[in-house]
């Protein structure tokens, strides 16, 4: 099997490298929540030498209730995503 690789920023994802974790909360709640979650997950992945890509949704369809929370929405989330991009 040939090795495939994908670069995401400074992280190389490949079938011949350590696993890369793509994780985060199902929905973006607040900027502080995003920073706290990303920081803790990064702490854990660095401890084990793993790559880490943070992901979260600004609009998450709730599959169990039409009245369920959907997330912060695009207008509230975009500034949070842009702040994080500038820091990296």
N, C-alpha and C. Protein backbone atom coordinates (compact mmCIF):
# COMPACT_ATOMS: atom_id res chain seq x y z
N UNK A 1 0.84 -1.17 0.00
CA UNK A 1 0.00 0.00 0.00
C UNK A 1 0.89 1.25 0.00
N UNK A 2 0.60 2.17 -0.89
CA UNK A 2 1.41 3.38 -0.94
C UNK A 2 0.96 4.35 0.15
N UNK A 3 1.91 5.15 0.61
CA UNK A 3 1.61 6.13 1.65
C UNK A 3 0.98 7.37 1.05
N UNK A 4 -0.13 7.77 1.62
CA UNK A 4 -0.80 9.00 1.22
C UNK A 4 -0.56 10.02 2.32
N UNK A 5 -0.44 11.30 1.96
CA UNK A 5 -0.28 12.30 3.00
C UNK A 5 -1.05 13.56 2.64
N UNK A 6 -1.53 14.21 3.69
CA UNK A 6 -2.26 15.47 3.57
C UNK A 6 -1.68 16.42 4.60
N UNK A 7 -1.37 17.63 4.20
CA UNK A 7 -0.88 18.63 5.13
C UNK A 7 -2.01 19.58 5.50
N UNK A 8 -2.14 19.81 6.80
CA UNK A 8 -3.12 20.76 7.33
C UNK A 8 -2.35 21.70 8.24
N UNK A 9 -1.98 22.86 7.70
CA UNK A 9 -1.10 23.75 8.46
C UNK A 9 0.23 23.05 8.66
N UNK A 10 0.68 22.96 9.91
CA UNK A 10 1.97 22.30 10.19
C UNK A 10 1.80 20.84 10.60
N UNK A 11 0.61 20.30 10.38
CA UNK A 11 0.34 18.91 10.73
C UNK A 11 0.28 18.07 9.46
N UNK A 12 1.04 16.98 9.46
CA UNK A 12 1.01 16.06 8.33
C UNK A 12 0.19 14.83 8.73
N UNK A 13 -0.83 14.55 7.95
CA UNK A 13 -1.67 13.39 8.20
C UNK A 13 -1.31 12.35 7.15
N UNK A 14 -0.94 11.17 7.62
CA UNK A 14 -0.49 10.13 6.70
C UNK A 14 -0.73 8.76 7.32
N UNK A 15 -0.86 7.77 6.47
CA UNK A 15 -1.08 6.42 6.98
C UNK A 15 0.19 5.77 7.52
N UNK A 16 1.31 6.47 7.46
CA UNK A 16 2.54 5.93 8.04
C UNK A 16 3.08 6.82 9.17
N UNK A 17 2.22 7.68 9.72
CA UNK A 17 2.60 8.54 10.84
C UNK A 17 1.66 8.28 12.01
N UNK A 18 1.99 8.87 13.17
CA UNK A 18 1.10 8.75 14.32
C UNK A 18 -0.26 9.35 13.98
N UNK A 19 -1.25 8.87 14.69
CA UNK A 19 -2.62 9.33 14.45
C UNK A 19 -2.76 10.84 14.72
N UNK A 20 -3.63 11.45 13.99
CA UNK A 20 -3.94 12.87 14.18
C UNK A 20 -5.39 12.93 14.68
N UNK A 21 -5.60 13.59 15.78
CA UNK A 21 -6.93 13.68 16.38
C UNK A 21 -7.64 14.93 15.83
N UNK A 22 -8.83 14.75 15.31
CA UNK A 22 -9.69 15.86 14.88
C UNK A 22 -10.84 15.87 15.86
N UNK A 23 -10.88 16.88 16.75
CA UNK A 23 -11.85 16.84 17.84
C UNK A 23 -12.23 18.24 18.30
N UNK A 24 -13.37 18.27 18.97
CA UNK A 24 -13.87 19.50 19.57
C UNK A 24 -15.33 19.29 19.93
N UNK A 25 -15.93 20.28 20.58
CA UNK A 25 -17.33 20.13 20.96
C UNK A 25 -18.24 20.11 19.74
N UNK A 26 -19.40 19.48 19.88
CA UNK A 26 -20.35 19.39 18.76
C UNK A 26 -20.75 20.77 18.26
N UNK A 27 -20.90 21.72 19.18
CA UNK A 27 -21.29 23.05 18.74
C UNK A 27 -20.52 24.12 19.49
N UNK A 28 -20.21 25.20 18.80
CA UNK A 28 -19.53 26.33 19.41
C UNK A 28 -20.51 27.02 20.34
N UNK A 29 -20.11 27.19 21.60
CA UNK A 29 -20.97 27.87 22.56
C UNK A 29 -20.53 29.32 22.75
N UNK A 30 -19.27 29.49 23.17
CA UNK A 30 -18.71 30.84 23.36
C UNK A 30 -17.24 30.80 22.98
N UNK A 31 -16.67 31.97 22.81
CA UNK A 31 -15.23 32.04 22.50
C UNK A 31 -14.42 31.39 23.61
N UNK A 32 -14.75 31.69 24.86
CA UNK A 32 -13.99 31.14 25.98
C UNK A 32 -14.10 29.62 26.04
N UNK A 33 -15.28 29.11 25.78
CA UNK A 33 -15.48 27.65 25.76
C UNK A 33 -14.61 27.02 24.67
N UNK A 34 -14.55 27.63 23.50
CA UNK A 34 -13.73 27.11 22.40
C UNK A 34 -12.26 27.11 22.79
N UNK A 35 -11.79 28.19 23.39
CA UNK A 35 -10.39 28.29 23.80
C UNK A 35 -10.07 27.26 24.88
N UNK A 36 -10.97 27.12 25.85
CA UNK A 36 -10.76 26.14 26.92
C UNK A 36 -10.70 24.71 26.38
N UNK A 37 -11.64 24.37 25.52
CA UNK A 37 -11.69 23.03 24.95
C UNK A 37 -10.45 22.74 24.10
N UNK A 38 -10.13 23.68 23.21
CA UNK A 38 -8.96 23.49 22.33
C UNK A 38 -7.69 23.36 23.16
N UNK A 39 -7.57 24.17 24.20
CA UNK A 39 -6.38 24.12 25.05
C UNK A 39 -6.22 22.78 25.75
N UNK A 40 -7.31 22.27 26.30
CA UNK A 40 -7.24 20.99 27.02
C UNK A 40 -6.96 19.83 26.07
N UNK A 41 -7.62 19.83 24.92
CA UNK A 41 -7.38 18.74 23.96
C UNK A 41 -5.93 18.81 23.45
N UNK A 42 -5.45 20.02 23.21
CA UNK A 42 -4.06 20.18 22.75
C UNK A 42 -3.08 19.68 23.80
N UNK A 43 -3.36 19.98 25.06
CA UNK A 43 -2.52 19.50 26.15
C UNK A 43 -2.39 17.96 26.11
N UNK A 44 -3.51 17.30 25.95
CA UNK A 44 -3.54 15.83 25.92
C UNK A 44 -2.82 15.29 24.69
N UNK A 45 -3.09 15.85 23.53
CA UNK A 45 -2.45 15.33 22.31
C UNK A 45 -0.95 15.59 22.31
N UNK A 46 -0.52 16.72 22.84
CA UNK A 46 0.93 17.00 22.92
C UNK A 46 1.62 16.01 23.85
N UNK A 47 0.95 15.65 24.93
CA UNK A 47 1.50 14.68 25.89
C UNK A 47 1.86 13.37 25.19
N UNK A 48 1.06 12.97 24.20
CA UNK A 48 1.28 11.72 23.49
C UNK A 48 1.92 11.90 22.12
N UNK A 49 2.31 13.13 21.78
CA UNK A 49 2.97 13.38 20.51
C UNK A 49 2.08 13.21 19.30
N UNK A 50 0.79 13.50 19.46
CA UNK A 50 -0.17 13.35 18.37
C UNK A 50 -0.49 14.68 17.72
N UNK A 51 -0.85 14.65 16.46
CA UNK A 51 -1.33 15.85 15.80
C UNK A 51 -2.74 16.17 16.29
N UNK A 52 -3.13 17.43 16.20
CA UNK A 52 -4.45 17.83 16.66
C UNK A 52 -5.02 18.93 15.77
N UNK A 53 -6.23 18.69 15.29
CA UNK A 53 -6.97 19.69 14.52
C UNK A 53 -8.27 19.94 15.28
N UNK A 54 -8.50 21.19 15.66
CA UNK A 54 -9.72 21.55 16.39
C UNK A 54 -10.87 21.71 15.42
N UNK A 55 -12.02 21.15 15.79
CA UNK A 55 -13.22 21.31 14.96
C UNK A 55 -14.41 21.55 15.87
N UNK A 56 -15.32 22.37 15.41
CA UNK A 56 -16.58 22.59 16.10
C UNK A 56 -17.57 23.13 15.07
N UNK A 57 -18.84 23.08 15.37
CA UNK A 57 -19.86 23.54 14.43
C UNK A 57 -20.51 24.83 14.91
N UNK A 58 -20.72 25.75 14.01
CA UNK A 58 -21.42 26.99 14.37
C UNK A 58 -22.92 26.82 14.26
N UNK A 59 -23.37 25.80 13.54
CA UNK A 59 -24.80 25.53 13.38
C UNK A 59 -24.99 24.02 13.31
N UNK A 60 -25.35 23.44 14.43
CA UNK A 60 -25.47 21.99 14.52
C UNK A 60 -26.93 21.59 14.58
N UNK A 61 -27.39 20.87 13.60
CA UNK A 61 -28.77 20.40 13.60
C UNK A 61 -28.95 19.35 14.69
N UNK A 62 -29.90 19.55 15.57
CA UNK A 62 -30.17 18.62 16.64
C UNK A 62 -31.09 17.52 16.11
N UNK A 63 -30.65 16.31 16.19
CA UNK A 63 -31.42 15.20 15.61
C UNK A 63 -32.47 14.62 16.56
N UNK A 64 -32.48 15.06 17.82
CA UNK A 64 -33.44 14.49 18.76
C UNK A 64 -34.59 15.43 19.10
N UNK A 65 -34.43 16.73 18.85
CA UNK A 65 -35.49 17.68 19.18
C UNK A 65 -35.42 18.90 18.28
N UNK A 66 -36.53 19.28 17.72
CA UNK A 66 -36.56 20.49 16.89
C UNK A 66 -36.31 21.74 17.72
N UNK A 67 -36.52 21.65 19.03
CA UNK A 67 -36.33 22.79 19.93
C UNK A 67 -34.92 22.84 20.51
N UNK A 68 -34.09 21.88 20.14
CA UNK A 68 -32.73 21.82 20.67
C UNK A 68 -31.87 22.98 20.20
N UNK A 69 -30.86 23.30 21.01
CA UNK A 69 -29.91 24.35 20.69
C UNK A 69 -29.12 23.98 19.43
N UNK A 70 -28.88 24.95 18.55
CA UNK A 70 -28.17 24.68 17.30
C UNK A 70 -26.75 25.20 17.28
N UNK A 71 -26.37 26.02 18.22
CA UNK A 71 -25.03 26.60 18.23
C UNK A 71 -25.10 28.10 18.19
N UNK A 72 -23.94 28.73 18.13
CA UNK A 72 -23.86 30.19 18.20
C UNK A 72 -24.32 30.88 16.91
N UNK A 73 -24.31 30.17 15.80
CA UNK A 73 -24.66 30.77 14.52
C UNK A 73 -23.44 31.40 13.85
N UNK A 74 -23.54 31.63 12.56
CA UNK A 74 -22.41 32.13 11.78
C UNK A 74 -21.94 33.51 12.24
N UNK A 75 -22.86 34.44 12.46
CA UNK A 75 -22.47 35.81 12.84
C UNK A 75 -21.66 35.84 14.13
N UNK A 76 -22.06 35.05 15.11
CA UNK A 76 -21.34 35.02 16.39
C UNK A 76 -20.08 34.17 16.32
N UNK A 77 -20.06 33.17 15.46
CA UNK A 77 -18.94 32.23 15.41
C UNK A 77 -17.77 32.71 14.56
N UNK A 78 -18.05 33.40 13.49
CA UNK A 78 -16.99 33.81 12.57
C UNK A 78 -15.87 34.59 13.26
N UNK A 79 -16.18 35.57 14.12
CA UNK A 79 -15.09 36.27 14.81
C UNK A 79 -14.23 35.34 15.67
N UNK A 80 -14.83 34.32 16.27
CA UNK A 80 -14.08 33.36 17.08
C UNK A 80 -13.13 32.56 16.19
N UNK A 81 -13.63 32.09 15.05
CA UNK A 81 -12.78 31.34 14.13
C UNK A 81 -11.65 32.21 13.59
N UNK A 82 -11.92 33.46 13.29
CA UNK A 82 -10.89 34.36 12.76
C UNK A 82 -9.84 34.68 13.79
N UNK A 83 -10.23 34.85 15.04
CA UNK A 83 -9.27 35.11 16.11
C UNK A 83 -8.32 33.93 16.23
N UNK A 84 -8.86 32.72 16.21
CA UNK A 84 -8.03 31.54 16.34
C UNK A 84 -7.08 31.40 15.15
N UNK A 85 -7.53 31.73 13.96
CA UNK A 85 -6.67 31.64 12.79
C UNK A 85 -5.50 32.62 12.89
N UNK A 86 -5.75 33.81 13.39
CA UNK A 86 -4.69 34.82 13.51
C UNK A 86 -3.64 34.40 14.53
N UNK A 87 -4.04 33.66 15.55
CA UNK A 87 -3.11 33.24 16.59
C UNK A 87 -2.20 32.10 16.13
N UNK A 88 -2.63 31.36 15.11
CA UNK A 88 -1.85 30.20 14.65
C UNK A 88 -0.98 30.54 13.51
